[in-house]
């Protein structure tokens, strides 16, 4: 069990970590792990919960950063036979999703040796040969998806990249016509209950392709975590036979993030950190100091900023940013970023921790109709 727990970390790092500007092996997901120990202190099993995988990294990375390690390890470490079966080359610059980070080097690891380590770890954990093949088929499908492009003749949109379509259909065991249809059309339910197919615009098709790639990777990662859990979970535990069972919980989650381009992921990560800070304030600073006061213990009072006002800005029912986003998604008709931003400006304009270019026209670090800024406990994020 101990060996499986250690090997599972190697696999999770390959599929959930990436090179960033601050760290060559940065976790791009959060996890909470329970580790069970017997009375001797030996691990008997565990369970992993994963949170907030940064799936936007699949389709776009900041300058100087890479996609998830798994893609580069497959391309640079996969055997010629494996890559041929997946219709891949060894060069990451051949693929839209890995090209920006292809020239970015990592000082702490080598993609080829890491690929061998991951393949060995998958075997130790208990992944079958068929399961491993399926994992790499999905990875290659995502790479081929990124190489699909769309063009329009003014009336309809066509796919450019017939080879990629054929490769995707083969790897996913679907018909090429089904791949075309899924990427070029969406189904819309009319008021009368009738379902019709509506063609995408060029921009909508590109958005759809990227959303599909992100969803595929997120589901693959969730399946890998679930598969690891099925192996490491404590089985047939009987306190009478095995003695006392002790559990240690480990939370490993992103720290606060401020990038040049901050997306929905950073919004969620920073909100999570505000909640953790709130928990720390509640359990350590407020309750502990109240207890010291009750018991007459002499101590130096610690003044602290209560960040509940920032937590409320995000999560307050009917008024917070999440509620405004939910409301916008339920609105009939076309909802754009601008419509959502206008709604936030209207409802949150007086909030001391929220601002935008419309509310502060002289601040040229933000753009009209594009940016808003949250004044977080740890800094301002646009």
Protein backbone atom coordinates (compact mmCIF):
# COMPACT_ATOMS: atom_id res chain seq x y z
CA UNK A 1 0.00 0.00 0.00
CA UNK A 2 2.85 2.37 0.87
CA UNK A 3 4.44 1.81 -2.55
CA UNK A 4 1.11 2.42 -4.34
CA UNK A 5 0.58 5.67 -2.39
CA UNK A 6 4.06 6.88 -3.40
CA UNK A 7 3.61 5.84 -7.04
CA UNK A 8 0.22 7.53 -7.22
CA UNK A 9 1.95 10.83 -6.52
CA UNK A 10 4.14 10.34 -9.61
CA UNK A 11 1.04 9.83 -11.79
CA UNK A 12 -0.88 12.75 -10.29
CA UNK A 13 2.11 15.04 -10.84
CA UNK A 14 2.37 14.01 -14.50
CA UNK A 15 -1.29 14.73 -15.25
CA UNK A 16 -1.94 17.53 -12.75
CA UNK A 17 1.33 19.50 -12.60
CA UNK A 18 2.97 21.92 -15.04
CA UNK A 19 5.93 24.25 -15.44
CA UNK A 20 5.02 27.79 -14.41
CA UNK A 21 7.11 30.95 -14.17
CA UNK A 22 7.53 30.37 -10.43
CA UNK A 23 7.93 26.60 -10.22
CA UNK A 24 9.09 23.84 -12.59
CA UNK A 25 6.66 21.36 -11.05
CA UNK A 26 3.68 23.40 -9.88
CA UNK A 27 0.49 21.57 -8.82
CA UNK A 28 -2.30 22.87 -11.03
CA UNK A 29 -4.99 21.17 -8.94
CA UNK A 30 -5.86 20.99 -5.28
CA UNK A 31 -6.20 17.77 -3.34
CA UNK A 32 -7.30 16.55 0.05
CA UNK A 33 -5.87 13.15 0.93
CA UNK A 34 -6.87 10.86 3.80
CA UNK A 35 -4.15 8.36 4.76
CA UNK A 36 -5.17 5.48 7.02
CA UNK A 37 -2.65 3.95 9.45
CA UNK A 38 -2.82 0.78 11.55
CA UNK A 39 -1.73 0.51 15.19
CA UNK A 40 1.88 -0.03 14.07
CA UNK A 41 1.89 3.25 12.20
CA UNK A 42 1.99 1.59 8.77
CA UNK A 43 -0.25 3.02 6.02
CA UNK A 44 -3.16 0.74 5.17
CA UNK A 45 -4.84 2.85 2.49
CA UNK A 46 -6.26 6.24 1.69
CA UNK A 47 -8.56 8.36 -0.40
CA UNK A 48 -7.93 11.38 -2.64
CA UNK A 49 -10.36 14.23 -3.39
CA UNK A 50 -9.25 16.56 -6.19
CA UNK A 51 -10.36 20.17 -6.61
CA UNK A 52 -10.13 22.96 -9.19
CA UNK A 53 -8.00 21.38 -11.92
CA UNK A 54 -6.70 24.30 -13.98
CA UNK A 55 -8.19 22.96 -17.22
CA UNK A 56 -7.76 26.27 -19.06
CA UNK A 57 -4.03 25.39 -19.19
CA UNK A 58 -4.88 22.66 -21.73
CA UNK A 59 -5.68 25.26 -24.40
CA UNK A 60 -3.72 28.33 -23.27
CA UNK A 61 -0.66 29.06 -21.12
CA UNK A 62 1.00 32.23 -19.85
CA UNK A 63 4.22 33.24 -21.61
CA UNK A 64 7.16 31.17 -20.35
CA UNK A 65 4.93 28.36 -19.06
CA UNK A 66 4.01 24.89 -20.33
CA UNK A 67 0.94 22.74 -20.69
CA UNK A 68 0.55 19.78 -18.29
CA UNK A 69 3.64 17.55 -18.08
CA UNK A 70 1.70 14.57 -19.48
CA UNK A 71 1.62 15.97 -23.03
CA UNK A 72 5.38 16.62 -23.26
CA UNK A 73 6.22 13.31 -21.57
CA UNK A 74 4.12 11.44 -24.14
CA UNK A 75 5.57 13.28 -27.15
CA UNK A 76 9.23 13.22 -26.03
CA UNK A 77 9.22 9.93 -24.12
CA UNK A 78 6.75 7.76 -26.02
CA UNK A 79 8.17 4.96 -28.18
CA UNK A 80 8.10 5.32 -31.97
CA UNK A 81 5.57 2.49 -32.10
CA UNK A 82 3.25 4.17 -29.56
CA UNK A 83 3.42 7.58 -31.26
CA UNK A 84 2.78 6.03 -34.68
CA UNK A 85 -0.35 4.28 -33.35
CA UNK A 86 -1.55 7.64 -31.96
CA UNK A 87 -0.66 9.53 -35.19
CA UNK A 88 1.72 11.80 -33.25
CA UNK A 89 5.22 13.14 -33.89
CA UNK A 90 7.91 13.69 -31.25
CA UNK A 91 7.92 17.47 -31.71
CA UNK A 92 5.61 19.46 -29.36
CA UNK A 93 5.79 22.45 -31.75
CA UNK A 94 3.64 20.46 -34.19
CA UNK A 95 0.63 20.88 -31.89
CA UNK A 96 -1.21 24.11 -31.11
CA UNK A 97 -1.80 23.25 -27.45
CA UNK A 98 1.86 22.37 -26.68
CA UNK A 99 3.72 24.62 -29.12
CA UNK A 100 3.93 27.77 -26.88
CA UNK A 101 5.69 25.81 -24.12
CA UNK A 102 7.79 23.54 -26.36
CA UNK A 103 10.93 25.67 -26.02
CA UNK A 104 10.50 26.18 -22.26
CA UNK A 105 12.97 23.99 -20.40
CA UNK A 106 12.56 22.51 -16.93
CA UNK A 107 15.70 22.25 -14.84
CA UNK A 108 14.36 19.69 -12.40
CA UNK A 109 13.14 16.91 -14.72
CA UNK A 110 13.55 15.20 -18.06
CA UNK A 111 10.38 14.38 -20.00
CA UNK A 112 11.73 11.06 -21.33
CA UNK A 113 12.75 9.65 -17.96
CA UNK A 114 9.54 10.98 -16.38
CA UNK A 115 7.49 9.15 -19.03
CA UNK A 116 9.23 5.88 -18.14
CA UNK A 117 8.61 6.55 -14.43
CA UNK A 118 4.91 7.22 -15.05
CA UNK A 119 4.50 4.08 -17.16
CA UNK A 120 6.15 2.08 -14.36
CA UNK A 121 3.95 3.74 -11.71
CA UNK A 122 0.76 2.99 -13.66
CA UNK A 123 1.79 -0.67 -13.78
CA UNK A 124 2.52 -0.79 -10.02
CA UNK A 125 -0.81 0.88 -9.18
CA UNK A 126 -2.66 -1.73 -11.23
CA UNK A 127 -3.69 0.00 -14.46
CA UNK A 128 -4.22 -2.59 -17.18
CA UNK A 129 -2.48 -2.30 -20.56
CA UNK A 130 -5.83 -1.45 -22.14
CA UNK A 131 -6.45 1.34 -19.59
CA UNK A 132 -3.01 2.86 -20.17
CA UNK A 133 -3.61 2.78 -23.94
CA UNK A 134 -6.96 4.51 -23.44
CA UNK A 135 -5.32 7.25 -21.35
CA UNK A 136 -2.81 8.01 -24.10
CA UNK A 137 -5.49 7.84 -26.79
CA UNK A 138 -7.40 10.58 -24.97
CA UNK A 139 -4.24 12.70 -24.60
CA UNK A 140 -3.53 12.38 -28.33
CA UNK A 141 -7.16 13.16 -29.18
CA UNK A 142 -6.80 16.45 -27.29
CA UNK A 143 -3.60 17.29 -29.21
CA UNK A 144 -5.31 16.57 -32.54
CA UNK A 145 -8.32 18.66 -31.49
CA UNK A 146 -6.05 21.66 -31.00
CA UNK A 147 -4.86 21.38 -34.60
CA UNK A 148 -8.40 21.68 -35.99
CA UNK A 149 -9.23 25.06 -37.49
CA UNK A 150 -12.39 26.52 -38.94
CA UNK A 151 -13.10 28.73 -41.92
CA UNK A 152 -16.28 30.27 -43.26
CA UNK A 153 -17.51 31.08 -46.75
CA UNK A 154 -19.96 33.62 -45.36
CA UNK A 155 -22.85 31.15 -45.08
CA UNK A 156 -21.51 28.08 -43.30
CA UNK A 157 -18.43 27.01 -41.36
CA UNK A 158 -16.14 24.17 -42.46
CA UNK A 159 -13.43 22.22 -40.66
CA UNK A 160 -9.85 22.61 -41.86
CA UNK A 161 -7.65 19.59 -41.12
CA UNK A 162 -9.21 16.44 -42.53
CA UNK A 163 -6.36 14.23 -41.27
CA UNK A 164 -6.91 15.37 -37.70
CA UNK A 165 -10.64 14.59 -37.97
CA UNK A 166 -9.86 11.05 -39.17
CA UNK A 167 -7.32 10.56 -36.38
CA UNK A 168 -9.79 11.79 -33.73
CA UNK A 169 -12.55 9.50 -35.01
CA UNK A 170 -10.17 6.52 -34.99
CA UNK A 171 -8.81 7.25 -31.50
CA UNK A 172 -12.29 7.80 -30.02
CA UNK A 173 -13.89 4.94 -32.01
CA UNK A 174 -16.46 7.23 -33.62
CA UNK A 175 -17.43 8.08 -37.20
CA UNK A 176 -15.75 11.08 -38.90
CA UNK A 177 -19.22 12.48 -39.68
CA UNK A 178 -20.05 12.44 -35.96
CA UNK A 179 -16.84 14.35 -35.14
CA UNK A 180 -17.67 16.95 -37.81
CA UNK A 181 -21.24 17.31 -36.59
CA UNK A 182 -20.23 17.65 -32.92
CA UNK A 183 -17.74 20.42 -33.72
CA UNK A 184 -19.79 22.38 -36.25
CA UNK A 185 -23.33 22.21 -34.83
CA UNK A 186 -25.18 22.51 -31.56
CA UNK A 187 -28.65 21.27 -30.66
CA UNK A 188 -31.18 23.86 -29.54
CA UNK A 189 -34.54 23.16 -27.89
CA UNK A 190 -37.30 25.47 -29.12
CA UNK A 191 -40.19 26.76 -27.01
CA UNK A 192 -42.47 24.10 -28.49
CA UNK A 193 -40.17 21.30 -27.37
CA UNK A 194 -38.74 20.74 -30.83
CA UNK A 195 -34.99 20.06 -31.02
CA UNK A 196 -33.15 21.63 -33.95
CA UNK A 197 -29.53 21.71 -35.06
CA UNK A 198 -27.92 25.10 -35.46
CA UNK A 199 -24.57 25.71 -37.12
CA UNK A 200 -21.77 27.42 -35.18
CA UNK A 201 -20.11 30.63 -36.26
CA UNK A 202 -16.33 30.43 -36.74
CA UNK A 203 -15.72 31.87 -33.26
CA UNK A 204 -18.33 29.63 -31.61
CA UNK A 205 -16.77 26.55 -33.24
CA UNK A 206 -13.33 27.52 -31.88
CA UNK A 207 -14.78 28.06 -28.40
CA UNK A 208 -16.57 24.70 -28.64
CA UNK A 209 -13.39 22.88 -29.69
CA UNK A 210 -11.43 24.32 -26.75
CA UNK A 211 -14.27 23.60 -24.29
CA UNK A 212 -14.38 20.01 -25.56
CA UNK A 213 -10.60 19.62 -25.08
CA UNK A 214 -10.75 21.05 -21.53
CA UNK A 215 -13.70 18.83 -20.56
CA UNK A 216 -11.96 15.73 -21.96
CA UNK A 217 -8.83 16.40 -19.91
CA UNK A 218 -10.77 17.17 -16.74
CA UNK A 219 -12.76 13.92 -17.04
CA UNK A 220 -9.58 11.96 -17.79
CA UNK A 221 -7.92 13.38 -14.67
CA UNK A 222 -10.99 12.66 -12.52
CA UNK A 223 -11.08 9.08 -13.86
CA UNK A 224 -7.37 8.57 -13.03
CA UNK A 225 -7.95 9.83 -9.46
CA UNK A 226 -10.98 7.53 -9.13
CA UNK A 227 -8.98 4.58 -10.45
CA UNK A 228 -6.20 5.24 -7.92
CA UNK A 229 -8.81 5.51 -5.13
CA UNK A 230 -10.24 2.10 -6.05
CA UNK A 231 -6.79 0.59 -5.42
CA UNK A 232 -5.73 2.47 -2.27
CA UNK A 233 -9.04 2.45 -0.38
CA UNK A 234 -9.04 0.49 2.90
CA UNK A 235 -10.68 -2.88 2.28
CA UNK A 236 -12.18 -5.36 4.75
CA UNK A 237 -11.24 -3.29 7.79
CA UNK A 238 -12.34 -4.81 11.09
CA UNK A 239 -11.40 -2.91 14.31
CA UNK A 240 -11.66 -6.10 16.36
CA UNK A 241 -9.11 -7.87 14.16
CA UNK A 242 -6.91 -5.01 12.97
CA UNK A 243 -6.94 -2.72 16.00
CA UNK A 244 -7.37 1.05 16.10
CA UNK A 245 -7.46 2.83 12.73
CA UNK A 246 -5.90 6.32 12.60
CA UNK A 247 -6.43 8.81 9.79
CA UNK A 248 -4.27 11.78 8.86
CA UNK A 249 -5.76 14.32 6.44
CA UNK A 250 -3.48 16.37 4.17
CA UNK A 251 -4.71 19.41 2.25
CA UNK A 252 -2.52 20.50 -0.65
CA UNK A 253 -4.04 23.39 -2.58
CA UNK A 254 -2.93 26.41 -4.60
CA UNK A 255 -1.67 29.49 -2.85
CA UNK A 256 -3.03 32.92 -3.73
CA UNK A 257 -2.42 33.73 -7.44
CA UNK A 258 -1.98 37.01 -9.31
CA UNK A 259 -1.02 36.64 -13.00
CA UNK A 260 -0.82 39.03 -15.95
CA UNK A 261 -3.95 37.33 -17.29
CA UNK A 262 -6.28 36.03 -14.58
CA UNK A 263 -9.12 33.73 -15.59
CA UNK A 264 -12.05 32.03 -13.87
CA UNK A 265 -9.58 29.53 -12.34
CA UNK A 266 -7.71 32.30 -10.50
CA UNK A 267 -11.05 33.71 -9.35
CA UNK A 268 -11.96 30.31 -7.81
CA UNK A 269 -8.47 29.70 -6.36
CA UNK A 270 -8.32 33.10 -4.69
CA UNK A 271 -11.87 32.72 -3.36
CA UNK A 272 -10.79 29.38 -1.85
CA UNK A 273 -7.81 31.08 -0.20
CA UNK A 274 -10.07 33.79 1.20
CA UNK A 275 -12.25 31.04 2.73
CA UNK A 276 -9.19 29.34 4.23
CA UNK A 277 -8.05 32.68 5.65
CA UNK A 278 -11.55 33.19 7.09
CA UNK A 279 -11.33 29.76 8.73
CA UNK A 280 -7.93 30.64 10.19
CA UNK A 281 -9.30 33.95 11.51
CA UNK A 282 -12.33 32.24 13.04
CA UNK A 283 -10.53 29.28 14.66
CA UNK A 284 -7.19 30.79 15.64
CA UNK A 285 -7.41 34.55 15.97
CA UNK A 286 -10.98 35.14 17.16
CA UNK A 287 -11.91 32.01 19.14
CA UNK A 288 -8.46 31.54 20.72
CA UNK A 289 -8.25 35.17 21.83
CA UNK A 290 -11.78 35.03 23.23
CA UNK A 291 -10.80 31.92 25.22
CA UNK A 292 -7.66 33.65 26.55
CA UNK A 293 -9.83 36.58 27.60
CA UNK A 294 -12.36 34.31 29.37
CA UNK A 295 -9.62 32.48 31.27
CA UNK A 296 -7.79 35.67 32.23
CA UNK A 297 -4.58 34.68 30.44
CA UNK A 298 -2.18 37.57 29.83
CA UNK A 299 -1.27 37.91 26.17
CA UNK A 300 -0.60 40.58 23.59
CA UNK A 301 -3.78 41.11 21.58
CA UNK A 302 -3.37 40.47 17.84
CA UNK A 303 -5.23 42.88 15.59
CA UNK A 304 -6.35 41.33 12.30
CA UNK A 305 -8.27 42.23 9.18
CA UNK A 306 -11.53 40.26 9.00
CA UNK A 307 -11.85 39.31 5.35
CA UNK A 308 -15.54 38.33 5.61
CA UNK A 309 -16.39 41.39 3.48
CA UNK A 310 -14.35 39.92 0.57
CA UNK A 311 -15.86 36.44 1.04
CA UNK A 312 -19.34 38.04 0.89
CA UNK A 313 -18.38 39.93 -2.29
CA UNK A 314 -17.93 36.55 -3.98
CA UNK A 315 -20.49 34.26 -2.36
CA UNK A 316 -23.32 36.36 -0.85
CA UNK A 317 -26.72 35.10 -2.11
CA UNK A 318 -28.38 37.39 -4.70
CA UNK A 319 -25.60 40.00 -4.41
CA UNK A 320 -22.24 38.22 -4.78
CA UNK A 321 -20.28 37.71 -8.00
CA UNK A 322 -21.18 34.00 -8.21
CA UNK A 323 -24.90 34.81 -7.92
CA UNK A 324 -24.56 37.48 -10.64
CA UNK A 325 -22.82 34.95 -12.91
CA UNK A 326 -25.56 32.37 -12.25
CA UNK A 327 -28.22 34.97 -12.99
CA UNK A 328 -26.53 35.93 -16.27
CA UNK A 329 -26.39 32.27 -17.36
CA UNK A 330 -30.12 31.88 -16.76
CA UNK A 331 -31.01 35.00 -18.76
CA UNK A 332 -32.82 34.38 -22.04
CA UNK A 333 -31.07 35.56 -25.19
CA UNK A 334 -27.40 36.12 -25.88
CA UNK A 335 -25.30 36.70 -22.77
CA UNK A 336 -21.89 38.28 -23.27
CA UNK A 337 -19.01 39.18 -20.97
CA UNK A 338 -20.01 42.83 -21.33
CA UNK A 339 -23.58 42.16 -20.17
CA UNK A 340 -22.24 40.31 -17.12
CA UNK A 341 -19.70 43.06 -16.36
CA UNK A 342 -22.41 45.75 -16.60
CA UNK A 343 -24.53 43.76 -14.13
CA UNK A 344 -21.62 43.52 -11.67
CA UNK A 345 -20.85 47.23 -12.04
CA UNK A 346 -24.49 48.04 -11.28
CA UNK A 347 -24.83 45.73 -8.26
CA UNK A 348 -21.33 46.00 -6.79
CA UNK A 349 -20.41 49.57 -7.70
CA UNK A 350 -20.44 50.72 -4.06
CA UNK A 351 -18.46 47.77 -2.71
CA UNK A 352 -15.06 48.88 -1.31
CA UNK A 353 -13.28 45.75 -2.65
CA UNK A 354 -14.64 45.85 -6.21
CA UNK A 355 -13.83 48.19 -9.07
CA UNK A 356 -13.68 48.35 -12.88
CA UNK A 357 -12.66 50.83 -15.59
CA UNK A 358 -16.25 52.10 -15.83
CA UNK A 359 -16.31 52.79 -12.09
CA UNK A 360 -12.81 54.25 -12.14
CA UNK A 361 -12.30 55.79 -15.64
CA UNK A 362 -8.87 57.25 -14.82
CA UNK A 363 -7.31 53.84 -14.06
CA UNK A 364 -5.69 52.94 -17.38
CA UNK A 365 -4.38 49.61 -16.10
CA UNK A 366 -7.88 48.24 -16.83
CA UNK A 367 -9.77 48.17 -20.15
CA UNK A 368 -13.39 49.26 -20.65
CA UNK A 369 -15.89 46.36 -21.12
CA UNK A 370 -13.16 43.81 -20.29
CA UNK A 371 -11.65 44.06 -16.81
CA UNK A 372 -12.81 44.18 -13.22
CA UNK A 373 -10.65 44.12 -10.11
CA UNK A 374 -11.11 42.48 -6.73
CA UNK A 375 -9.13 43.90 -3.81
CA UNK A 376 -8.25 40.64 -2.10
CA UNK A 377 -6.72 40.17 1.34
CA UNK A 378 -3.37 39.32 -0.32
CA UNK A 379 -3.47 41.87 -3.16
CA UNK A 380 -5.43 43.30 -6.08
CA UNK A 381 -6.37 40.91 -8.89
CA UNK A 382 -7.63 42.09 -12.29
